[in-house]
Amino acid sequence: MIVVANRFRIADGYEEEFVERFAENSGSVADFDGFVSFELLRPATDDTDTFVAMTHWESMEAFENWTDSEAFERSHAGDAPREMFEGHPELEIHEVAADR
């Protein structure tokens, strides 16, 4: 299994709009072959402004097929305002080494 984490630093005042954008857009990935699950993590403490969008995939191939798809393009259309973000998102891809 592959876990993809996109880390977004969100500017003050844009937090709810950021969450709403994911809530409105999460459907297209849910039906994609090889997709397992999605979570949007909100900071739980005041020491960070980083949100993390996590997708779980059956394989790296499934994730790459998603990023090469028209559905991916559609889900990322309508870019958010630049001032919503503090810096560029950071992408991390991990293979699950152990789980319970």
N, C-alpha and C. Protein backbone atom coordinates (compact mmCIF):
# COMPACT_ATOMS: atom_id res chain seq x y z
N MET A 1 0.85 -1.18 0.00
CA MET A 1 0.00 0.00 0.00
C MET A 1 0.89 1.24 0.00
N ILE A 2 0.43 2.26 -0.70
CA ILE A 2 1.13 3.54 -0.80
C ILE A 2 0.29 4.60 -0.09
N VAL A 3 0.96 5.46 0.69
CA VAL A 3 0.30 6.60 1.32
C VAL A 3 0.94 7.86 0.77
N VAL A 4 0.09 8.74 0.24
CA VAL A 4 0.57 10.00 -0.33
C VAL A 4 0.10 11.13 0.58
N ALA A 5 1.04 11.93 1.05
CA ALA A 5 0.73 13.05 1.94
C ALA A 5 1.11 14.35 1.25
N ASN A 6 0.14 15.23 1.09
CA ASN A 6 0.37 16.59 0.61
C ASN A 6 0.27 17.51 1.81
N ARG A 7 1.34 18.21 2.12
CA ARG A 7 1.36 19.11 3.27
C ARG A 7 1.19 20.55 2.78
N PHE A 8 0.16 21.22 3.31
CA PHE A 8 -0.17 22.58 2.91
C PHE A 8 -0.07 23.51 4.11
N ARG A 9 0.71 24.55 4.01
CA ARG A 9 0.72 25.60 5.04
C ARG A 9 -0.31 26.65 4.60
N ILE A 10 -1.33 26.84 5.43
CA ILE A 10 -2.46 27.69 5.09
C ILE A 10 -2.39 29.01 5.85
N ALA A 11 -2.61 30.09 5.12
CA ALA A 11 -2.57 31.43 5.72
C ALA A 11 -3.77 31.64 6.63
N ASP A 12 -3.58 32.46 7.67
CA ASP A 12 -4.65 32.79 8.60
C ASP A 12 -5.87 33.31 7.84
N GLY A 13 -7.04 32.82 8.24
CA GLY A 13 -8.29 33.26 7.66
C GLY A 13 -8.76 32.42 6.49
N TYR A 14 -7.93 31.53 5.98
CA TYR A 14 -8.30 30.70 4.83
C TYR A 14 -8.58 29.24 5.22
N GLU A 15 -8.50 28.93 6.48
CA GLU A 15 -8.61 27.54 6.91
C GLU A 15 -9.94 26.88 6.49
N GLU A 16 -11.05 27.54 6.75
CA GLU A 16 -12.36 26.95 6.44
C GLU A 16 -12.57 26.83 4.94
N GLU A 17 -12.16 27.82 4.17
CA GLU A 17 -12.27 27.75 2.71
C GLU A 17 -11.45 26.59 2.16
N PHE A 18 -10.27 26.38 2.74
CA PHE A 18 -9.42 25.27 2.31
C PHE A 18 -10.13 23.93 2.55
N VAL A 19 -10.70 23.74 3.74
CA VAL A 19 -11.41 22.52 4.07
C VAL A 19 -12.60 22.33 3.13
N GLU A 20 -13.34 23.39 2.87
CA GLU A 20 -14.51 23.31 1.99
C GLU A 20 -14.12 22.88 0.59
N ARG A 21 -12.98 23.35 0.09
CA ARG A 21 -12.53 22.97 -1.26
C ARG A 21 -12.32 21.45 -1.35
N PHE A 22 -11.76 20.86 -0.31
CA PHE A 22 -11.57 19.41 -0.31
C PHE A 22 -12.90 18.68 -0.16
N ALA A 23 -13.78 19.20 0.66
CA ALA A 23 -15.08 18.56 0.86
C ALA A 23 -15.88 18.53 -0.44
N GLU A 24 -15.79 19.58 -1.23
CA GLU A 24 -16.51 19.67 -2.50
C GLU A 24 -15.89 18.80 -3.57
N ASN A 25 -14.60 18.50 -3.45
CA ASN A 25 -13.85 17.89 -4.55
C ASN A 25 -13.45 16.45 -4.30
N SER A 26 -13.77 15.88 -3.17
CA SER A 26 -13.23 14.57 -2.82
C SER A 26 -13.88 13.41 -3.56
N GLY A 27 -15.02 13.62 -4.19
CA GLY A 27 -15.74 12.54 -4.83
C GLY A 27 -15.04 11.90 -6.01
N SER A 28 -14.33 12.67 -6.82
CA SER A 28 -13.78 12.12 -8.06
C SER A 28 -12.72 11.05 -7.80
N VAL A 29 -11.96 11.19 -6.74
CA VAL A 29 -10.92 10.20 -6.45
C VAL A 29 -11.51 8.92 -5.85
N ALA A 30 -12.61 9.03 -5.18
CA ALA A 30 -13.18 7.89 -4.44
C ALA A 30 -13.54 6.72 -5.35
N ASP A 31 -13.88 6.98 -6.59
CA ASP A 31 -14.27 5.91 -7.51
C ASP A 31 -13.12 5.45 -8.39
N PHE A 32 -11.93 5.97 -8.16
CA PHE A 32 -10.80 5.64 -9.03
C PHE A 32 -10.22 4.28 -8.66
N ASP A 33 -9.90 3.50 -9.67
CA ASP A 33 -9.37 2.15 -9.47
C ASP A 33 -8.07 2.18 -8.65
N GLY A 34 -8.02 1.42 -7.58
CA GLY A 34 -6.84 1.35 -6.74
C GLY A 34 -6.85 2.30 -5.56
N PHE A 35 -7.83 3.21 -5.51
CA PHE A 35 -7.96 4.14 -4.40
C PHE A 35 -8.50 3.40 -3.19
N VAL A 36 -7.93 3.68 -2.00
CA VAL A 36 -8.35 3.03 -0.76
C VAL A 36 -9.09 4.00 0.14
N SER A 37 -8.47 5.15 0.47
CA SER A 37 -9.11 6.10 1.38
C SER A 37 -8.45 7.47 1.30
N PHE A 38 -9.14 8.45 1.88
CA PHE A 38 -8.67 9.84 1.93
C PHE A 38 -8.97 10.42 3.30
N GLU A 39 -8.04 11.22 3.80
CA GLU A 39 -8.26 12.02 5.01
C GLU A 39 -7.65 13.40 4.78
N LEU A 40 -8.34 14.41 5.28
CA LEU A 40 -7.75 15.75 5.36
C LEU A 40 -7.53 16.02 6.84
N LEU A 41 -6.27 16.19 7.22
CA LEU A 41 -5.93 16.42 8.62
C LEU A 41 -5.79 17.91 8.87
N ARG A 42 -6.45 18.37 9.93
CA ARG A 42 -6.43 19.77 10.32
C ARG A 42 -5.50 19.89 11.53
N PRO A 43 -4.72 20.98 11.64
CA PRO A 43 -3.87 21.14 12.82
C PRO A 43 -4.71 21.09 14.10
N ALA A 44 -4.24 20.32 15.07
CA ALA A 44 -4.95 20.18 16.34
C ALA A 44 -4.35 21.04 17.43
N THR A 45 -3.21 21.67 17.13
CA THR A 45 -2.55 22.54 18.11
C THR A 45 -2.17 23.84 17.41
N ASP A 46 -1.85 24.83 18.22
CA ASP A 46 -1.51 26.15 17.67
C ASP A 46 -0.07 26.26 17.19
N ASP A 47 0.72 25.19 17.33
CA ASP A 47 2.13 25.28 16.95
C ASP A 47 2.38 24.96 15.47
N THR A 48 1.30 24.76 14.69
CA THR A 48 1.46 24.50 13.26
C THR A 48 0.29 25.08 12.49
N ASP A 49 0.55 25.43 11.23
CA ASP A 49 -0.51 25.87 10.33
C ASP A 49 -0.61 24.91 9.14
N THR A 50 -0.06 23.70 9.31
CA THR A 50 0.02 22.74 8.22
C THR A 50 -1.17 21.77 8.24
N PHE A 51 -1.87 21.73 7.12
CA PHE A 51 -2.91 20.73 6.87
C PHE A 51 -2.27 19.62 6.05
N VAL A 52 -2.74 18.39 6.21
CA VAL A 52 -2.19 17.28 5.46
C VAL A 52 -3.33 16.54 4.77
N ALA A 53 -3.26 16.46 3.45
CA ALA A 53 -4.20 15.68 2.66
C ALA A 53 -3.54 14.34 2.37
N MET A 54 -4.17 13.27 2.86
CA MET A 54 -3.57 11.94 2.72
C MET A 54 -4.47 11.04 1.90
N THR A 55 -3.89 10.40 0.89
CA THR A 55 -4.59 9.38 0.13
C THR A 55 -3.85 8.07 0.29
N HIS A 56 -4.61 7.00 0.33
CA HIS A 56 -4.07 5.65 0.45
C HIS A 56 -4.41 4.92 -0.84
N TRP A 57 -3.42 4.22 -1.40
CA TRP A 57 -3.55 3.56 -2.68
C TRP A 57 -3.10 2.11 -2.58
N GLU A 58 -3.70 1.23 -3.38
CA GLU A 58 -3.30 -0.16 -3.39
C GLU A 58 -1.87 -0.33 -3.88
N SER A 59 -1.42 0.57 -4.78
CA SER A 59 -0.07 0.45 -5.34
C SER A 59 0.39 1.80 -5.88
N MET A 60 1.68 1.89 -6.15
CA MET A 60 2.24 3.08 -6.77
C MET A 60 1.64 3.26 -8.17
N GLU A 61 1.45 2.16 -8.86
CA GLU A 61 0.85 2.22 -10.20
C GLU A 61 -0.54 2.85 -10.16
N ALA A 62 -1.35 2.48 -9.17
CA ALA A 62 -2.69 3.05 -9.04
C ALA A 62 -2.61 4.55 -8.81
N PHE A 63 -1.71 4.99 -7.94
CA PHE A 63 -1.54 6.42 -7.69
C PHE A 63 -1.09 7.15 -8.96
N GLU A 64 -0.13 6.60 -9.66
CA GLU A 64 0.37 7.23 -10.89
C GLU A 64 -0.72 7.28 -11.96
N ASN A 65 -1.54 6.23 -12.05
CA ASN A 65 -2.66 6.25 -12.99
C ASN A 65 -3.62 7.39 -12.67
N TRP A 66 -3.86 7.61 -11.38
CA TRP A 66 -4.71 8.72 -10.94
C TRP A 66 -4.11 10.06 -11.38
N THR A 67 -2.82 10.27 -11.14
CA THR A 67 -2.22 11.56 -11.47
C THR A 67 -2.14 11.80 -12.97
N ASP A 68 -2.21 10.74 -13.76
CA ASP A 68 -2.19 10.86 -15.22
C ASP A 68 -3.59 10.93 -15.83
N SER A 69 -4.62 10.93 -15.01
CA SER A 69 -5.99 10.82 -15.51
C SER A 69 -6.66 12.18 -15.73
N GLU A 70 -7.72 12.16 -16.54
CA GLU A 70 -8.55 13.36 -16.74
C GLU A 70 -9.28 13.72 -15.45
N ALA A 71 -9.65 12.72 -14.66
CA ALA A 71 -10.32 12.97 -13.39
C ALA A 71 -9.43 13.78 -12.46
N PHE A 72 -8.13 13.47 -12.45
CA PHE A 72 -7.17 14.23 -11.65
C PHE A 72 -7.14 15.68 -12.12
N GLU A 73 -7.05 15.87 -13.42
CA GLU A 73 -7.03 17.23 -13.99
C GLU A 73 -8.27 18.01 -13.59
N ARG A 74 -9.44 17.38 -13.71
CA ARG A 74 -10.69 18.05 -13.35
C ARG A 74 -10.72 18.41 -11.86
N SER A 75 -10.22 17.50 -11.02
CA SER A 75 -10.28 17.74 -9.57
C SER A 75 -9.32 18.84 -9.13
N HIS A 76 -8.32 19.14 -9.96
CA HIS A 76 -7.36 20.19 -9.62
C HIS A 76 -7.57 21.46 -10.42
N ALA A 77 -8.66 21.52 -11.18
CA ALA A 77 -8.99 22.75 -11.91
C ALA A 77 -9.55 23.77 -10.92
N GLY A 78 -9.57 25.01 -11.29
CA GLY A 78 -10.10 26.04 -10.39
C GLY A 78 -9.20 26.25 -9.21
N ASP A 79 -7.98 26.62 -9.50
CA ASP A 79 -6.98 26.80 -8.45
C ASP A 79 -7.45 27.74 -7.35
N ALA A 80 -7.00 27.45 -6.16
CA ALA A 80 -7.28 28.30 -4.99
C ALA A 80 -6.49 29.60 -5.12
N PRO A 81 -6.95 30.65 -4.44
CA PRO A 81 -6.19 31.90 -4.48
C PRO A 81 -4.79 31.72 -3.91
N ARG A 82 -3.82 32.30 -4.56
CA ARG A 82 -2.42 32.16 -4.17
C ARG A 82 -2.17 32.55 -2.71
N GLU A 83 -2.89 33.57 -2.25
CA GLU A 83 -2.69 34.06 -0.89
C GLU A 83 -3.20 33.09 0.18
N MET A 84 -3.90 32.03 -0.24
CA MET A 84 -4.36 31.01 0.70
C MET A 84 -3.18 30.23 1.28
N PHE A 85 -2.11 30.14 0.52
CA PHE A 85 -0.98 29.30 0.89
C PHE A 85 0.23 30.09 1.32
N GLU A 86 0.94 29.53 2.28
CA GLU A 86 2.24 30.06 2.69
C GLU A 86 3.28 29.10 2.16
N GLY A 87 3.77 29.37 0.97
CA GLY A 87 4.73 28.48 0.34
C GLY A 87 4.04 27.43 -0.52
N HIS A 88 4.84 26.54 -1.10
CA HIS A 88 4.33 25.49 -1.97
C HIS A 88 4.01 24.24 -1.15
N PRO A 89 3.00 23.49 -1.58
CA PRO A 89 2.72 22.22 -0.89
C PRO A 89 3.91 21.28 -1.00
N GLU A 90 4.06 20.43 -0.02
CA GLU A 90 5.12 19.43 -0.02
C GLU A 90 4.48 18.06 -0.18
N LEU A 91 4.94 17.31 -1.18
CA LEU A 91 4.42 15.98 -1.46
C LEU A 91 5.36 14.94 -0.89
N GLU A 92 4.79 13.97 -0.19
CA GLU A 92 5.55 12.82 0.33
C GLU A 92 4.83 11.56 -0.07
N ILE A 93 5.56 10.57 -0.53
CA ILE A 93 4.99 9.28 -0.88
C ILE A 93 5.71 8.21 -0.06
N HIS A 94 4.90 7.41 0.62
CA HIS A 94 5.45 6.37 1.50
C HIS A 94 4.83 5.03 1.19
N GLU A 95 5.60 3.99 1.36
CA GLU A 95 5.08 2.64 1.29
C GLU A 95 4.81 2.18 2.72
N VAL A 96 3.68 1.55 2.94
CA VAL A 96 3.35 1.05 4.27
C VAL A 96 4.28 -0.11 4.59
N ALA A 97 5.05 0.03 5.66
CA ALA A 97 6.00 -0.98 6.07
C ALA A 97 5.41 -1.93 7.11
N ALA A 98 4.45 -1.42 7.91
CA ALA A 98 3.79 -2.22 8.92
C ALA A 98 2.47 -1.55 9.26
N ASP A 99 1.47 -2.34 9.61
CA ASP A 99 0.21 -1.78 10.08
C ASP A 99 -0.43 -2.77 11.05
N ARG A 100 -1.48 -2.35 11.68
CA ARG A 100 -2.17 -3.20 12.66
C ARG A 100 -3.62 -3.35 12.29
